[in-house]
Amino acid sequence: MLVSGINPVANEKDVAESKASGAGWHSLLRPMEPFLNAVSQQLRVQVAVFEPEIASFAEYALTNQGKQLRPALVGCAGNAGSGFSEDLVKAAVIIEMIHLATLVHDDIMDGADMRRNRPTLCAHSGNEVSVLLGDCLFARALELASEFPTTEVCLLVSKATRNVCSGEILQTLRYKKSIHNREDYLKTLKLKTAELFALSCELGGMIGGLDRNAQKQLRQFGVSMGIAYQIYDDCLDIFGNEAQVGKSLGTDLATGKLTLPVLLMLEKVPEPEKNEIISKLFQGNGGQMRWLMDLLKQSKALEECVDVIQGYVDQSNATLSELSSDGHCIALKKVLAYLTQQVSLLTY
């Protein structure tokens, strides 16, 4: 397991480590700082592409980056710590624009007010502007992808964009049809989240000069890590602290989404009781979270989630072991270790 045990209440050391996690992430990425700065600079440049009346909205969306996880994966897979090309920067910009577009749309659908310690674009500018700006960001990302001399980049980016949007639709349909099972949940994760992780690693390897077999292995690493990361993020939505995380939490349940912790708990509940529990989950009364947390503790849902995450982490490590131990591999192992450390801080 990633953790030796789950504490009922976070101790002072856990809280201190959680507050220091941002610093740990930036320290890990220090060798790639020039690359990530170049990506941020090019994202700001993209603002000028939009009509003057739209530019301020685009700037609001494009300059609110978080950990730059996907650009970091592009840089790791492309060994940006040892130098990088403009094409590697462009690939990271494309993927980050797609990711930011999905966040704009997600916040509308979730009714989220806060992201990264500031109002979401929909809270700031309204849903009408936000949904259309998200579309503009998708379109601009595909336009940039078409500028590469090979059509393969545009093809990969287009497929990834389609899969991400398909994942969002499947997730919506799953909840409307009250489909609550682990298999459908994981399928959605693979499309909605893991796809961009996979694309980041694959394009980074391609532009970094690795052969096709290595690119495929990097893609598989991205899929496994992407699923592990999203399960962790879904756990954070239930077990996290808004002040520390910096975004609205509890939005999954508020919008009718049952993620892995709840699904694992429901697997242990007698069939006649499931609908009653699900109905109560969506009532949104004041004692809902305390009641849910008691159920999750009793079923050891968090411990099981950690085990599932560990399985995908193991798959990611196994994929990396098949690659040569060069700069690409070493950097990706550090990112995976950081995720493992963050998962160990999860607590009831």
Foldseek 3Di string as FASTA:
>chain_A
DLAPDFDQDFDPVLVVVLLCLLVVLCVLCVLLVVLVVLLLVVQLVVLVVDDPVLSVLSCVLSNLDDSLVLLLLLCLLLVCSVPDDVVSSLLSNLLVLLVSLVVLVVCVLLVWQWDQQHGRSCNVPNDVSSNVVSVVSNVVSLVSQVPDPDCVSSVLSVVLSVLQVVLVVLQVVCQVVVPQADVSQLSSQLRNFLSSQLSSNLNSNVRSDHDPVLSVLSSLLSSLLRSLLVLLVLLCLQQNDCVSRGTHGPSCLQSRHDGQLNSLLLVPDPPVCNVVLSVLSNPPDPCNSVVVVVSSVVSVSLVVSLVVSVVSLVVSVVSLVVDDPDSSSVSVVSVSVSSSVSSNSGHD
